[in-house]
Amino acid sequence: MTNGSSTKTPRSGGFLLAISLLLGFGIGTSQGQASLGTVIGFAVGMVLLAAVWLVDRRR
């Protein structure tokens, strides 16, 4: 039931960050550069996290 007020539930990008870290580590390990893969995965995850935050902020 709704009481007439429109509440917007914020979205979370933590899942994207976690997946990016795991994929970065996995790909980095397969290339012999696990640390570099983790750092790149973290950077990609932060970009995706910021994108989700910006989109959610405009809602």
C-alpha atoms as a PDB file:
ATOM      1  CA  MET A   1       0.000   0.000   0.000  1.00  0.00           C
ATOM      2  CA  THR A   2       1.181   3.484  -0.740  1.00  0.00           C
ATOM      3  CA  ASN A   3       0.389   6.549   1.250  1.00  0.00           C
ATOM      4  CA  GLY A   4       0.663   8.961  -1.650  1.00  0.00           C
ATOM      5  CA  SER A   5       4.257  10.013  -1.105  1.00  0.00           C
ATOM      6  CA  SER A   6       6.749   9.055  -3.771  1.00  0.00           C
ATOM      7  CA  THR A   7       9.884   7.737  -2.136  1.00  0.00           C
ATOM      8  CA  LYS A   8      12.750   6.811  -4.370  1.00  0.00           C
ATOM      9  CA  THR A   9      14.959   3.977  -3.298  1.00  0.00           C
ATOM     10  CA  PRO A  10      18.595   4.755  -4.082  1.00  0.00           C
ATOM     11  CA  ARG A  11      20.452   2.330  -6.312  1.00  0.00           C
ATOM     12  CA  SER A  12      23.695   0.730  -5.330  1.00  0.00           C
ATOM     13  CA  GLY A  13      26.721   0.145  -7.527  1.00  0.00           C
ATOM     14  CA  GLY A  14      28.618  -2.011  -5.043  1.00  0.00           C
ATOM     15  CA  PHE A  15      27.857  -5.114  -7.057  1.00  0.00           C
ATOM     16  CA  LEU A  16      29.555  -3.577 -10.101  1.00  0.00           C
ATOM     17  CA  LEU A  17      32.611  -2.724  -8.019  1.00  0.00           C
ATOM     18  CA  ALA A  18      32.850  -6.251  -6.624  1.00  0.00           C
ATOM     19  CA  ILE A  19      32.459  -7.885 -10.034  1.00  0.00           C
ATOM     20  CA  SER A  20      35.040  -5.528 -11.563  1.00  0.00           C
ATOM     21  CA  LEU A  21      37.540  -6.389  -8.844  1.00  0.00           C
ATOM     22  CA  LEU A  22      37.019 -10.126  -9.278  1.00  0.00           C
ATOM     23  CA  LEU A  23      37.196  -9.961 -13.063  1.00  0.00           C
ATOM     24  CA  GLY A  24      40.281  -7.743 -12.932  1.00  0.00           C
ATOM     25  CA  PHE A  25      41.992 -10.155 -10.569  1.00  0.00           C
ATOM     26  CA  GLY A  26      41.041 -13.152 -12.716  1.00  0.00           C
ATOM     27  CA  ILE A  27      42.168 -11.581 -15.961  1.00  0.00           C
ATOM     28  CA  GLY A  28      45.316 -10.214 -14.338  1.00  0.00           C
ATOM     29  CA  THR A  29      46.166 -13.625 -12.910  1.00  0.00           C
ATOM     30  CA  SER A  30      45.779 -15.248 -16.317  1.00  0.00           C
ATOM     31  CA  GLN A  31      48.218 -12.668 -17.726  1.00  0.00           C
ATOM     32  CA  GLY A  32      50.684 -13.068 -14.845  1.00  0.00           C
ATOM     33  CA  GLN A  33      49.871  -9.612 -13.397  1.00  0.00           C
ATOM     34  CA  ALA A  34      47.367 -10.188 -10.588  1.00  0.00           C
ATOM     35  CA  SER A  35      48.135  -6.908  -8.787  1.00  0.00           C
ATOM     36  CA  LEU A  36      47.820  -4.810 -11.918  1.00  0.00           C
ATOM     37  CA  GLY A  37      44.586  -6.575 -12.845  1.00  0.00           C
ATOM     38  CA  THR A  38      43.158  -5.861  -9.401  1.00  0.00           C
ATOM     39  CA  VAL A  39      44.072  -2.173  -9.633  1.00  0.00           C
ATOM     40  CA  ILE A  40      42.573  -1.878 -13.117  1.00  0.00           C
ATOM     41  CA  GLY A  41      39.473  -3.747 -11.956  1.00  0.00           C
ATOM     42  CA  PHE A  42      39.147  -1.342  -9.048  1.00  0.00           C
ATOM     43  CA  ALA A  43      39.470   1.673 -11.361  1.00  0.00           C
ATOM     44  CA  VAL A  44      36.842   0.322 -13.756  1.00  0.00           C
ATOM     45  CA  GLY A  45      34.555  -0.485 -10.823  1.00  0.00           C
ATOM     46  CA  MET A  46      34.887   3.039  -9.440  1.00  0.00           C
ATOM     47  CA  VAL A  47      33.984   4.522 -12.830  1.00  0.00           C
ATOM     48  CA  LEU A  48      30.908   2.282 -12.999  1.00  0.00           C
ATOM     49  CA  LEU A  49      30.033   3.130  -9.394  1.00  0.00           C
ATOM     50  CA  ALA A  50      30.249   6.853 -10.158  1.00  0.00           C
ATOM     51  CA  ALA A  51      28.071   6.388 -13.241  1.00  0.00           C
ATOM     52  CA  VAL A  52      25.380   4.611 -11.211  1.00  0.00           C
ATOM     53  CA  TRP A  53      25.544   7.355  -8.586  1.00  0.00           C
ATOM     54  CA  LEU A  54      25.191  10.106 -11.207  1.00  0.00           C
ATOM     55  CA  VAL A  55      22.254   8.402 -12.904  1.00  0.00           C
ATOM     56  CA  ASP A  56      20.570   7.771  -9.555  1.00  0.00           C
ATOM     57  CA  ARG A  57      21.108  11.384  -8.533  1.00  0.00           C
ATOM     58  CA  ARG A  58      19.219  12.598 -11.615  1.00  0.00           C
ATOM     59  CA  ARG A  59      16.195  10.375 -10.892  1.00  0.00           C
END
